[in-house]
Amino acid sequence: GVAIVDGAPLNSGILATGTIQAQAAVAGPVAEVSFSIRNANGATVRGPQTATVAAGAASTTFAAPVAGSGYRLRVEVPGNPAVADTSAPFNVSAPFALLAENLGTLAVEQGGRLLL
């Protein structure tokens, strides 16, 4: 069988500009697993990405999807999707923006300005 290894970063803040480390524990004669990230509707938004199993574990890294909620990490044995596990839902946050004050206006990172 296969099981998602829960924990950071899924339990901590994930930024849309960051990455997600996917890890799975694997039991039995499984040589490789396939990881994917699915949105709240179940559609695959990252992957699938195949990883080799070594010493009962496999991992890979994904670029984080766009900001949103209800994402789930899925791991399965290629060719046997019944041997799979899916994480609890997690959220991806928009990246932080820098603001700089200059003579009564705030300049935002994307180049816009806000009057104070």
PDB file of N, CA and C in Angstrom:
ATOM      1  N   GLY A   1       0.805  -1.178   0.000  1.00  0.00           N
ATOM      2  CA  GLY A   1       0.000   0.000   0.000  1.00  0.00           C
ATOM      3  C   GLY A   1       0.854   1.249   0.000  1.00  0.00           C
ATOM      4  N   VAL A   2       0.212   2.364  -0.146  1.00  0.00           N
ATOM      5  CA  VAL A   2       0.869   3.668  -0.124  1.00  0.00           C
ATOM      6  C   VAL A   2       0.107   4.595   0.805  1.00  0.00           C
ATOM      7  N   ALA A   3       0.818   5.524   1.410  1.00  0.00           N
ATOM      8  CA  ALA A   3       0.192   6.496   2.309  1.00  0.00           C
ATOM      9  C   ALA A   3       0.928   7.817   2.222  1.00  0.00           C
ATOM     10  N   ILE A   4       0.159   8.906   2.107  1.00  0.00           N
ATOM     11  CA  ILE A   4       0.730  10.256   2.136  1.00  0.00           C
ATOM     12  C   ILE A   4       1.326  10.476   3.510  1.00  0.00           C
ATOM     13  N   VAL A   5       2.525  11.047   3.559  1.00  0.00           N
ATOM     14  CA  VAL A   5       3.128  11.426   4.832  1.00  0.00           C
ATOM     15  C   VAL A   5       2.672  12.847   5.114  1.00  0.00           C
ATOM     16  N   ASP A   6       1.746  12.985   6.086  1.00  0.00           N
ATOM     17  CA  ASP A   6       1.215  14.309   6.414  1.00  0.00           C
ATOM     18  C   ASP A   6       2.250  15.105   7.194  1.00  0.00           C
ATOM     19  N   GLY A   7       2.112  16.398   7.140  1.00  0.00           N
ATOM     20  CA  GLY A   7       3.024  17.287   7.868  1.00  0.00           C
ATOM     21  C   GLY A   7       3.389  18.462   7.000  1.00  0.00           C
ATOM     22  N   ALA A   8       4.411  19.184   7.440  1.00  0.00           N
ATOM     23  CA  ALA A   8       4.855  20.350   6.689  1.00  0.00           C
ATOM     24  C   ALA A   8       5.266  19.889   5.298  1.00  0.00           C
ATOM     25  N   PRO A   9       4.986  20.625   4.233  1.00  0.00           N
ATOM     26  CA  PRO A   9       4.396  21.950   4.254  1.00  0.00           C
ATOM     27  C   PRO A   9       2.876  21.956   4.189  1.00  0.00           C
ATOM     28  N   LEU A  10       2.218  20.779   4.045  1.00  0.00           N
ATOM     29  CA  LEU A  10       0.763  20.783   3.898  1.00  0.00           C
ATOM     30  C   LEU A  10       0.059  21.368   5.106  1.00  0.00           C
ATOM     31  N   ASN A  11       0.673  21.250   6.283  1.00  0.00           N
ATOM     32  CA  ASN A  11       0.058  21.788   7.496  1.00  0.00           C
ATOM     33  C   ASN A  11       0.478  23.226   7.772  1.00  0.00           C
ATOM     34  N   SER A  12       1.305  23.792   6.910  1.00  0.00           N
ATOM     35  CA  SER A  12       1.749  25.168   7.116  1.00  0.00           C
ATOM     36  C   SER A  12       1.379  25.990   5.890  1.00  0.00           C
ATOM     37  N   GLY A  13       1.725  27.245   5.895  1.00  0.00           N
ATOM     38  CA  GLY A  13       1.367  28.121   4.787  1.00  0.00           C
ATOM     39  C   GLY A  13       2.117  27.793   3.514  1.00  0.00           C
ATOM     40  N   ILE A  14       1.392  27.645   2.426  1.00  0.00           N
ATOM     41  CA  ILE A  14       1.988  27.423   1.111  1.00  0.00           C
ATOM     42  C   ILE A  14       1.658  28.637   0.268  1.00  0.00           C
ATOM     43  N   LEU A  15       2.671  29.233  -0.319  1.00  0.00           N
ATOM     44  CA  LEU A  15       2.468  30.390  -1.189  1.00  0.00           C
ATOM     45  C   LEU A  15       2.430  29.948  -2.644  1.00  0.00           C
ATOM     46  N   ALA A  16       1.631  30.630  -3.448  1.00  0.00           N
ATOM     47  CA  ALA A  16       1.494  30.290  -4.860  1.00  0.00           C
ATOM     48  C   ALA A  16       2.829  30.360  -5.598  1.00  0.00           C
ATOM     49  N   THR A  17       3.792  31.098  -5.079  1.00  0.00           N
ATOM     50  CA  THR A  17       5.105  31.198  -5.722  1.00  0.00           C
ATOM     51  C   THR A  17       6.091  30.172  -5.174  1.00  0.00           C
ATOM     52  N   GLY A  18       5.647  29.331  -4.236  1.00  0.00           N
ATOM     53  CA  GLY A  18       6.536  28.372  -3.583  1.00  0.00           C
ATOM     54  C   GLY A  18       6.479  26.982  -4.192  1.00  0.00           C
ATOM     55  N   THR A  19       6.920  26.015  -3.399  1.00  0.00           N
ATOM     56  CA  THR A  19       6.920  24.625  -3.824  1.00  0.00           C
ATOM     57  C   THR A  19       6.229  23.770  -2.771  1.00  0.00           C
ATOM     58  N   ILE A  20       5.847  22.573  -3.173  1.00  0.00           N
ATOM     59  CA  ILE A  20       5.222  21.617  -2.270  1.00  0.00           C
ATOM     60  C   ILE A  20       6.029  20.332  -2.320  1.00  0.00           C
ATOM     61  N   GLN A  21       6.516  19.897  -1.180  1.00  0.00           N
ATOM     62  CA  GLN A  21       7.254  18.638  -1.064  1.00  0.00           C
ATOM     63  C   GLN A  21       6.243  17.528  -0.793  1.00  0.00           C
ATOM     64  N   ALA A  22       6.143  16.574  -1.700  1.00  0.00           N
ATOM     65  CA  ALA A  22       5.223  15.447  -1.556  1.00  0.00           C
ATOM     66  C   ALA A  22       6.017  14.227  -1.092  1.00  0.00           C
ATOM     67  N   GLN A  23       5.525  13.557  -0.045  1.00  0.00           N
ATOM     68  CA  GLN A  23       6.198  12.376   0.497  1.00  0.00           C
ATOM     69  C   GLN A  23       5.178  11.279   0.734  1.00  0.00           C
ATOM     70  N   ALA A  24       5.588  10.038   0.491  1.00  0.00           N
ATOM     71  CA  ALA A  24       4.704   8.902   0.733  1.00  0.00           C
ATOM     72  C   ALA A  24       5.497   7.750   1.341  1.00  0.00           C
ATOM     73  N   ALA A  25       4.840   7.023   2.249  1.00  0.00           N
ATOM     74  CA  ALA A  25       5.382   5.778   2.785  1.00  0.00           C
ATOM     75  C   ALA A  25       4.800   4.656   1.930  1.00  0.00           C
ATOM     76  N   VAL A  26       5.631   3.691   1.573  1.00  0.00           N
ATOM     77  CA  VAL A  26       5.219   2.631   0.663  1.00  0.00           C
ATOM     78  C   VAL A  26       5.537   1.279   1.286  1.00  0.00           C
ATOM     79  N   ALA A  27       4.553   0.365   1.234  1.00  0.00           N
ATOM     80  CA  ALA A  27       4.745  -0.994   1.751  1.00  0.00           C
ATOM     81  C   ALA A  27       4.519  -1.981   0.616  1.00  0.00           C
ATOM     82  N   GLY A  28       5.286  -3.026   0.597  1.00  0.00           N
ATOM     83  CA  GLY A  28       5.120  -4.058  -0.419  1.00  0.00           C
ATOM     84  C   GLY A  28       6.044  -3.854  -1.601  1.00  0.00           C
ATOM     85  N   PRO A  29       5.901  -4.736  -2.587  1.00  0.00           N
ATOM     86  CA  PRO A  29       6.791  -4.705  -3.757  1.00  0.00           C
ATOM     87  C   PRO A  29       6.395  -3.647  -4.783  1.00  0.00           C
ATOM     88  N   VAL A  30       6.546  -2.398  -4.409  1.00  0.00           N
ATOM     89  CA  VAL A  30       6.207  -1.276  -5.286  1.00  0.00           C
ATOM     90  C   VAL A  30       7.496  -0.565  -5.662  1.00  0.00           C
ATOM     91  N   ALA A  31       7.780  -0.482  -6.965  1.00  0.00           N
ATOM     92  CA  ALA A  31       9.025   0.133  -7.430  1.00  0.00           C
ATOM     93  C   ALA A  31       8.911   1.645  -7.613  1.00  0.00           C
ATOM     94  N   GLU A  32       7.715   2.118  -7.968  1.00  0.00           N
ATOM     95  CA  GLU A  32       7.522   3.553  -8.169  1.00  0.00           C
ATOM     96  C   GLU A  32       6.081   3.931  -7.893  1.00  0.00           C
ATOM     97  N   VAL A  33       5.892   5.211  -7.578  1.00  0.00           N
ATOM     98  CA  VAL A  33       4.560   5.760  -7.344  1.00  0.00           C
ATOM     99  C   VAL A  33       4.404   7.030  -8.175  1.00  0.00           C
ATOM    100  N   SER A  34       3.168   7.447  -8.329  1.00  0.00           N
ATOM    101  CA  SER A  34       2.862   8.639  -9.098  1.00  0.00           C
ATOM    102  C   SER A  34       2.164   9.641  -8.179  1.00  0.00           C
ATOM    103  N   PHE A  35       2.694  10.865  -8.123  1.00  0.00           N
ATOM    104  CA  PHE A  35       2.128  11.940  -7.307  1.00  0.00           C
ATOM    105  C   PHE A  35       1.399  12.930  -8.204  1.00  0.00           C
ATOM    106  N   SER A  36       0.337  13.535  -7.686  1.00  0.00           N
ATOM    107  CA  SER A  36      -0.346  14.621  -8.382  1.00  0.00           C
ATOM    108  C   SER A  36      -0.987  15.541  -7.352  1.00  0.00           C
ATOM    109  N   ILE A  37      -1.316  16.756  -7.788  1.00  0.00           N
ATOM    110  CA  ILE A  37      -2.072  17.695  -6.964  1.00  0.00           C
ATOM    111  C   ILE A  37      -3.383  17.924  -7.695  1.00  0.00           C
ATOM    112  N   ARG A  38      -4.493  17.817  -6.944  1.00  0.00           N
ATOM    113  CA  ARG A  38      -5.823  18.002  -7.524  1.00  0.00           C
ATOM    114  C   ARG A  38      -6.506  19.189  -6.863  1.00  0.00           C
ATOM    115  N   ASN A  39      -7.334  19.882  -7.644  1.00  0.00           N
ATOM    116  CA  ASN A  39      -8.058  21.022  -7.080  1.00  0.00           C
ATOM    117  C   ASN A  39      -9.322  20.538  -6.373  1.00  0.00           C
ATOM    118  N   ALA A  40     -10.109  21.477  -5.864  1.00  0.00           N
ATOM    119  CA  ALA A  40     -11.311  21.139  -5.096  1.00  0.00           C
ATOM    120  C   ALA A  40     -12.335  20.363  -5.927  1.00  0.00           C
ATOM    121  N   ASN A  41     -12.270  20.469  -7.254  1.00  0.00           N
ATOM    122  CA  ASN A  41     -13.185  19.742  -8.134  1.00  0.00           C
ATOM    123  C   ASN A  41     -12.656  18.365  -8.530  1.00  0.00           C
ATOM    124  N   GLY A  42     -11.428  18.037  -8.077  1.00  0.00           N
ATOM    125  CA  GLY A  42     -10.838  16.742  -8.403  1.00  0.00           C
ATOM    126  C   GLY A  42     -10.006  16.721  -9.671  1.00  0.00           C
ATOM    127  N   ALA A  43      -9.897  17.862 -10.351  1.00  0.00           N
ATOM    128  CA  ALA A  43      -9.093  17.931 -11.571  1.00  0.00           C
ATOM    129  C   ALA A  43      -7.610  18.006 -11.222  1.00  0.00           C
ATOM    130  N   THR A  44      -6.779  17.311 -11.966  1.00  0.00           N
ATOM    131  CA  THR A  44      -5.334  17.344 -11.748  1.00  0.00           C
ATOM    132  C   THR A  44      -4.782  18.677 -12.229  1.00  0.00           C
ATOM    133  N   VAL A  45      -4.072  19.394 -11.331  1.00  0.00           N
ATOM    134  CA  VAL A  45      -3.486  20.688 -11.677  1.00  0.00           C
ATOM    135  C   VAL A  45      -1.959  20.648 -11.702  1.00  0.00           C
ATOM    136  N   ARG A  46      -1.358  19.636 -11.108  1.00  0.00           N
ATOM    137  CA  ARG A  46       0.091  19.406 -11.162  1.00  0.00           C
ATOM    138  C   ARG A  46       0.308  17.898 -11.244  1.00  0.00           C
ATOM    139  N   GLY A  47       1.244  17.489 -12.124  1.00  0.00           N
ATOM    140  CA  GLY A  47       1.552  16.081 -12.254  1.00  0.00           C
ATOM    141  C   GLY A  47       0.668  15.433 -13.312  1.00  0.00           C
ATOM    142  N   PRO A  48       0.643  14.116 -13.368  1.00  0.00           N
ATOM    143  CA  PRO A  48       1.325  13.231 -12.425  1.00  0.00           C
ATOM    144  C   PRO A  48       2.834  13.235 -12.637  1.00  0.00           C
ATOM    145  N   GLN A  49       3.515  12.974 -11.533  1.00  0.00           N
ATOM    146  CA  GLN A  49       4.967  12.942 -11.501  1.00  0.00           C
ATOM    147  C   GLN A  49       5.382  11.633 -10.841  1.00  0.00           C
ATOM    148  N   THR A  50       6.182  10.833 -11.526  1.00  0.00           N
ATOM    149  CA  THR A  50       6.589   9.524 -11.022  1.00  0.00           C
ATOM    150  C   THR A  50       7.843   9.648 -10.168  1.00  0.00           C
ATOM    151  N   ALA A  51       7.860   8.894  -9.064  1.00  0.00           N
ATOM    152  CA  ALA A  51       9.019   8.879  -8.163  1.00  0.00           C
ATOM    153  C   ALA A  51       9.382   7.428  -7.841  1.00  0.00           C
ATOM    154  N   THR A  52      10.666   7.156  -7.766  1.00  0.00           N
ATOM    155  CA  THR A  52      11.162   5.828  -7.431  1.00  0.00           C
ATOM    156  C   THR A  52      11.049   5.598  -5.928  1.00  0.00           C
ATOM    157  N   VAL A  53      10.657   4.387  -5.555  1.00  0.00           N
ATOM    158  CA  VAL A  53      10.560   4.015  -4.145  1.00  0.00           C
ATOM    159  C   VAL A  53      11.917   3.483  -3.692  1.00  0.00           C
ATOM    160  N   ALA A  54      12.415   3.996  -2.576  1.00  0.00           N
ATOM    161  CA  ALA A  54      13.671   3.534  -1.984  1.00  0.00           C
ATOM    162  C   ALA A  54      13.466   3.416  -0.478  1.00  0.00           C
ATOM    163  N   ALA A  55      13.781   2.255   0.072  1.00  0.00           N
ATOM    164  CA  ALA A  55      13.657   2.018   1.517  1.00  0.00           C
ATOM    165  C   ALA A  55      12.260   2.354   2.039  1.00  0.00           C
ATOM    166  N   GLY A  56      11.238   2.029   1.259  1.00  0.00           N
ATOM    167  CA  GLY A  56       9.867   2.227   1.705  1.00  0.00           C
ATOM    168  C   GLY A  56       9.357   3.648   1.655  1.00  0.00           C
ATOM    169  N   ALA A  57      10.025   4.516   0.895  1.00  0.00           N
ATOM    170  CA  ALA A  57       9.589   5.910   0.811  1.00  0.00           C
ATOM    171  C   ALA A  57       9.811   6.455  -0.595  1.00  0.00           C
ATOM    172  N   ALA A  58       9.014   7.450  -0.938  1.00  0.00           N
ATOM    173  CA  ALA A  58       9.164   8.144  -2.216  1.00  0.00           C
ATOM    174  C   ALA A  58       8.806   9.607  -2.001  1.00  0.00           C
ATOM    175  N   SER A  59       9.409  10.473  -2.800  1.00  0.00           N
ATOM    176  CA  SER A  59       9.096  11.902  -2.676  1.00  0.00           C
ATOM    177  C   SER A  59       9.351  12.610  -3.999  1.00  0.00           C
ATOM    178  N   THR A  60       8.749  13.774  -4.104  1.00  0.00           N
ATOM    179  CA  THR A  60       8.959  14.642  -5.254  1.00  0.00           C
ATOM    180  C   THR A  60       8.585  16.063  -4.842  1.00  0.00           C
ATOM    181  N   THR A  61       8.909  17.012  -5.681  1.00  0.00           N
ATOM    182  CA  THR A  61       8.594  18.409  -5.410  1.00  0.00           C
ATOM    183  C   THR A  61       7.798  18.985  -6.570  1.00  0.00           C
ATOM    184  N   PHE A  62       6.738  19.726  -6.235  1.00  0.00           N
ATOM    185  CA  PHE A  62       5.906  20.403  -7.227  1.00  0.00           C
ATOM    186  C   PHE A  62       6.014  21.904  -7.053  1.00  0.00           C
ATOM    187  N   ALA A  63       5.873  22.646  -8.148  1.00  0.00           N
ATOM    188  CA  ALA A  63       5.624  24.083  -8.045  1.00  0.00           C
ATOM    189  C   ALA A  63       4.200  24.217  -7.519  1.00  0.00           C
ATOM    190  N   ALA A  64       3.991  25.103  -6.577  1.00  0.00           N
ATOM    191  CA  ALA A  64       2.655  25.286  -5.995  1.00  0.00           C
ATOM    192  C   ALA A  64       1.681  25.768  -7.069  1.00  0.00           C
ATOM    193  N   PRO A  65       0.426  25.332  -6.986  1.00  0.00           N
ATOM    194  CA  PRO A  65      -0.576  25.850  -7.922  1.00  0.00           C
ATOM    195  C   PRO A  65      -0.984  27.275  -7.555  1.00  0.00           C
ATOM    196  N   VAL A  66      -1.894  27.839  -8.320  1.00  0.00           N
ATOM    197  CA  VAL A  66      -2.379  29.196  -8.048  1.00  0.00           C
ATOM    198  C   VAL A  66      -3.091  29.233  -6.697  1.00  0.00           C
ATOM    199  N   ALA A  67      -3.213  30.416  -6.134  1.00  0.00           N
ATOM    200  CA  ALA A  67      -3.886  30.574  -4.840  1.00  0.00           C
ATOM    201  C   ALA A  67      -5.295  30.005  -4.912  1.00  0.00           C
ATOM    202  N   GLY A  68      -5.667  29.272  -3.872  1.00  0.00           N
ATOM    203  CA  GLY A  68      -6.986  28.672  -3.824  1.00  0.00           C
ATOM    204  C   GLY A  68      -7.097  27.739  -2.631  1.00  0.00           C
ATOM    205  N   SER A  69      -8.257  27.120  -2.469  1.00  0.00           N
ATOM    206  CA  SER A  69      -8.481  26.214  -1.351  1.00  0.00           C
ATOM    207  C   SER A  69      -8.982  24.868  -1.864  1.00  0.00           C
ATOM    208  N   GLY A  70      -8.907  23.864  -1.001  1.00  0.00           N
ATOM    209  CA  GLY A  70      -9.422  22.550  -1.335  1.00  0.00           C
ATOM    210  C   GLY A  70      -8.496  21.676  -2.148  1.00  0.00           C
ATOM    211  N   TYR A  71      -7.232  22.077  -2.292  1.00  0.00           N
ATOM    212  CA  TYR A  71      -6.278  21.235  -3.014  1.00  0.00           C
ATOM    213  C   TYR A  71      -6.014  19.953  -2.227  1.00  0.00           C
ATOM    214  N   ARG A  72      -5.702  18.874  -2.931  1.00  0.00           N
ATOM    215  CA  ARG A  72      -5.334  17.605  -2.294  1.00  0.00           C
ATOM    216  C   ARG A  72      -4.150  16.996  -3.041  1.00  0.00           C
ATOM    217  N   LEU A  73      -3.248  16.406  -2.281  1.00  0.00           N
ATOM    218  CA  LEU A  73      -2.116  15.680  -2.827  1.00  0.00           C
ATOM    219  C   LEU A  73      -2.546  14.227  -2.972  1.00  0.00           C
ATOM    220  N   ARG A  74      -2.243  13.601  -4.100  1.00  0.00           N
ATOM    221  CA  ARG A  74      -2.615  12.199  -4.316  1.00  0.00           C
ATOM    222  C   ARG A  74      -1.374  11.419  -4.717  1.00  0.00           C
ATOM    223  N   VAL A  75      -1.271  10.210  -4.184  1.00  0.00           N
ATOM    224  CA  VAL A  75      -0.217   9.275  -4.570  1.00  0.00           C
ATOM    225  C   VAL A  75      -0.885   7.961  -4.941  1.00  0.00           C
ATOM    226  N   GLU A  76      -0.398   7.358  -6.017  1.00  0.00           N
ATOM    227  CA  GLU A  76      -0.958   6.069  -6.428  1.00  0.00           C
ATOM    228  C   GLU A  76       0.118   5.241  -7.125  1.00  0.00           C
ATOM    229  N   VAL A  77      -0.145   3.943  -7.210  1.00  0.00           N
ATOM    230  CA  VAL A  77       0.760   3.049  -7.907  1.00  0.00           C
ATOM    231  C   VAL A  77       0.372   3.093  -9.392  1.00  0.00           C
ATOM    232  N   PRO A  78       1.321   3.446 -10.275  1.00  0.00           N
ATOM    233  CA  PRO A  78       0.996   3.506 -11.701  1.00  0.00           C
ATOM    234  C   PRO A  78       0.429   2.166 -12.182  1.00  0.00           C
ATOM    235  N   GLY A  79      -0.656   2.244 -12.936  1.00  0.00           N
ATOM    236  CA  GLY A  79      -1.283   1.038 -13.447  1.00  0.00           C
ATOM    237  C   GLY A  79      -2.219   0.369 -12.462  1.00  0.00           C
ATOM    238  N   ASN A  80      -2.268   0.875 -11.228  1.00  0.00           N
ATOM    239  CA  ASN A  80      -3.156   0.302 -10.210  1.00  0.00           C
ATOM    240  C   ASN A  80      -3.701   1.430  -9.331  1.00  0.00           C
ATOM    241  N   PRO A  81      -4.590   2.277  -9.865  1.00  0.00           N
ATOM    242  CA  PRO A  81      -5.083   3.435  -9.113  1.00  0.00           C
ATOM    243  C   PRO A  81      -5.884   3.087  -7.866  1.00  0.00           C
ATOM    244  N   ALA A  82      -6.226   1.811  -7.686  1.00  0.00           N
ATOM    245  CA  ALA A  82      -6.916   1.402  -6.459  1.00  0.00           C
ATOM    246  C   ALA A  82      -5.961   1.426  -5.267  1.00  0.00           C
ATOM    247  N   VAL A  83      -4.657   1.329  -5.545  1.00  0.00           N
ATOM    248  CA  VAL A  83      -3.648   1.414  -4.476  1.00  0.00           C
ATOM    249  C   VAL A  83      -3.198   2.866  -4.438  1.00  0.00           C
ATOM    250  N   ALA A  84      -3.874   3.655  -3.591  1.00  0.00           N
ATOM    251  CA  ALA A  84      -3.666   5.099  -3.595  1.00  0.00           C
ATOM    252  C   ALA A  84      -4.010   5.687  -2.238  1.00  0.00           C
ATOM    253  N   ASP A  85      -3.609   6.938  -2.052  1.00  0.00           N
ATOM    254  CA  ASP A  85      -3.982   7.707  -0.861  1.00  0.00           C
ATOM    255  C   ASP A  85      -4.096   9.168  -1.285  1.00  0.00           C
ATOM    256  N   THR A  86      -4.975   9.878  -0.602  1.00  0.00           N
ATOM    257  CA  THR A  86      -5.199  11.298  -0.872  1.00  0.00           C
ATOM    258  C   THR A  86      -5.107  12.064   0.438  1.00  0.00           C
ATOM    259  N   SER A  87      -4.428  13.202   0.411  1.00  0.00           N
ATOM    260  CA  SER A  87      -4.248  14.015   1.617  1.00  0.00           C
ATOM    261  C   SER A  87      -5.539  14.719   2.000  1.00  0.00           C
ATOM    262  N   ALA A  88      -5.538  15.260   3.199  1.00  0.00           N
ATOM    263  CA  ALA A  88      -6.593  16.181   3.622  1.00  0.00           C
ATOM    264  C   ALA A  88      -6.470  17.438   2.765  1.00  0.00           C
ATOM    265  N   PRO A  89      -7.548  18.211   2.612  1.00  0.00           N
ATOM    266  CA  PRO A  89      -7.472  19.437   1.810  1.00  0.00           C
ATOM    267  C   PRO A  89      -6.489  20.448   2.413  1.00  0.00           C
ATOM    268  N   PHE A  90      -5.858  21.206   1.540  1.00  0.00           N
ATOM    269  CA  PHE A  90      -4.970  22.284   1.984  1.00  0.00           C
ATOM    270  C   PHE A  90      -5.174  23.494   1.098  1.00  0.00           C
ATOM    271  N   ASN A  91      -4.712  24.634   1.569  1.00  0.00           N
ATOM    272  CA  ASN A  91      -4.870  25.908   0.872  1.00  0.00           C
ATOM    273  C   ASN A  91      -3.539  26.407   0.352  1.00  0.00           C
ATOM    274  N   VAL A  92      -3.609  27.190  -0.710  1.00  0.00           N
ATOM    275  CA  VAL A  92      -2.441  27.879  -1.254  1.00  0.00           C
ATOM    276  C   VAL A  92      -2.778  29.364  -1.232  1.00  0.00           C
ATOM    277  N   SER A  93      -1.904  30.165  -0.627  1.00  0.00           N
ATOM    278  CA  SER A  93      -2.140  31.607  -0.476  1.00  0.00           C
ATOM    279  C   SER A  93      -1.434  32.399  -1.562  1.00  0.00           C
ATOM    280  N   ALA A  94      -1.983  33.555  -1.869  1.00  0.00           N
ATOM    281  CA  ALA A  94      -1.334  34.481  -2.803  1.00  0.00           C
ATOM    282  C   ALA A  94      -0.031  34.959  -2.165  1.00  0.00           C
ATOM    283  N   PRO A  95       0.973  35.246  -2.976  1.00  0.00           N
ATOM    284  CA  PRO A  95       2.239  35.734  -2.418  1.00  0.00           C
ATOM    285  C   PRO A  95       2.054  37.109  -1.780  1.00  0.00           C
ATOM    286  N   PHE A  96       2.928  37.394  -0.841  1.00  0.00           N
ATOM    287  CA  PHE A  96       2.906  38.695  -0.196  1.00  0.00           C
ATOM    288  C   PHE A  96       3.380  39.748  -1.182  1.00  0.00           C
ATOM    289  N   ALA A  97       2.874  40.972  -1.051  1.00  0.00           N
ATOM    290  CA  ALA A  97       3.307  42.079  -1.895  1.00  0.00           C
ATOM    291  C   ALA A  97       3.999  43.113  -1.016  1.00  0.00           C
ATOM    292  N   LEU A  98       4.999  43.718  -1.556  1.00  0.00           N
ATOM    293  CA  LEU A  98       5.735  44.749  -0.824  1.00  0.00           C
ATOM    294  C   LEU A  98       5.098  46.110  -1.073  1.00  0.00           C
ATOM    295  N   LEU A  99       5.005  46.889  -0.030  1.00  0.00           N
ATOM    296  CA  LEU A  99       4.500  48.255  -0.149  1.00  0.00           C
ATOM    297  C   LEU A  99       5.594  49.205   0.315  1.00  0.00           C
ATOM    298  N   ALA A 100       5.767  50.280  -0.385  1.00  0.00           N
ATOM    299  CA  ALA A 100       6.761  51.281   0.001  1.00  0.00           C
ATOM    300  C   ALA A 100       6.082  52.647   0.032  1.00  0.00           C
ATOM    301  N   GLU A 101       6.251  53.375   1.141  1.00  0.00           N
ATOM    302  CA  GLU A 101       5.627  54.688   1.263  1.00  0.00           C
ATOM    303  C   GLU A 101       6.568  55.741   0.718  1.00  0.00           C
ATOM    304  N   ASN A 102       5.992  56.662  -0.074  1.00  0.00           N
ATOM    305  CA  ASN A 102       6.790  57.730  -0.642  1.00  0.00           C
ATOM    306  C   ASN A 102       5.908  58.962  -0.808  1.00  0.00           C
ATOM    307  N   LEU A 103       6.093  59.947   0.052  1.00  0.00           N
ATOM    308  CA  LEU A 103       5.388  61.222  -0.040  1.00  0.00           C
ATOM    309  C   LEU A 103       3.871  61.073  -0.139  1.00  0.00           C
ATOM    310  N   GLY A 104       3.294  60.315   0.763  1.00  0.00           N
ATOM    311  CA  GLY A 104       1.846  60.205   0.831  1.00  0.00           C
ATOM    312  C   GLY A 104       1.222  59.186  -0.100  1.00  0.00           C
ATOM    313  N   THR A 105       2.038  58.398  -0.786  1.00  0.00           N
ATOM    314  CA  THR A 105       1.496  57.329  -1.632  1.00  0.00           C
ATOM    315  C   THR A 105       2.197  56.020  -1.275  1.00  0.00           C
ATOM    316  N   LEU A 106       1.529  54.918  -1.522  1.00  0.00           N
ATOM    317  CA  LEU A 106       2.132  53.603  -1.364  1.00  0.00           C
ATOM    318  C   LEU A 106       2.352  53.024  -2.750  1.00  0.00           C
ATOM    319  N   ALA A 107       3.563  52.586  -3.006  1.00  0.00           N
ATOM    320  CA  ALA A 107       3.870  51.936  -4.278  1.00  0.00           C
ATOM    321  C   ALA A 107       3.790  50.433  -4.055  1.00  0.00           C
ATOM    322  N   VAL A 108       2.953  49.759  -4.820  1.00  0.00           N
ATOM    323  CA  VAL A 108       2.830  48.307  -4.676  1.00  0.00           C
ATOM    324  C   VAL A 108       3.832  47.624  -5.601  1.00  0.00           C
ATOM    325  N   GLU A 109       4.141  46.395  -5.269  1.00  0.00           N
ATOM    326  CA  GLU A 109       5.169  45.653  -5.979  1.00  0.00           C
ATOM    327  C   GLU A 109       4.906  45.567  -7.485  1.00  0.00           C
ATOM    328  N   GLN A 110       3.642  45.463  -7.883  1.00  0.00           N
ATOM    329  CA  GLN A 110       3.335  45.337  -9.301  1.00  0.00           C
ATOM    330  C   GLN A 110       3.407  46.668 -10.049  1.00  0.00           C
ATOM    331  N   GLY A 111       3.756  47.744  -9.379  1.00  0.00           N
ATOM    332  CA  GLY A 111       3.949  49.021 -10.033  1.00  0.00           C
ATOM    333  C   GLY A 111       2.811  50.007  -9.859  1.00  0.00           C
ATOM    334  N   GLY A 112       1.698  49.583  -9.274  1.00  0.00           N
ATOM    335  CA  GLY A 112       0.590  50.500  -9.023  1.00  0.00           C
ATOM    336  C   GLY A 112       0.880  51.425  -7.859  1.00  0.00           C
ATOM    337  N   ARG A 113       0.001  52.417  -7.642  1.00  0.00           N
ATOM    338  CA  ARG A 113       0.184  53.358  -6.530  1.00  0.00           C
ATOM    339  C   ARG A 113      -1.135  53.543  -5.812  1.00  0.00           C
ATOM    340  N   LEU A 114      -1.103  53.687  -4.520  1.00  0.00           N
ATOM    341  CA  LEU A 114      -2.268  53.978  -3.700  1.00  0.00           C
ATOM    342  C   LEU A 114      -2.055  55.311  -3.026  1.00  0.00           C
ATOM    343  N   LEU A 115      -3.012  56.217  -3.161  1.00  0.00           N
ATOM    344  CA  LEU A 115      -2.896  57.515  -2.497  1.00  0.00           C
ATOM    345  C   LEU A 115      -3.338  57.377  -1.047  1.00  0.00           C
ATOM    346  N   LEU A 116      -2.630  58.034  -0.151  1.00  0.00           N
ATOM    347  CA  LEU A 116      -2.981  58.012   1.277  1.00  0.00           C
ATOM    348  C   LEU A 116      -3.757  59.240   1.658  1.00  0.00           C
TER     349      LEU A 116
END
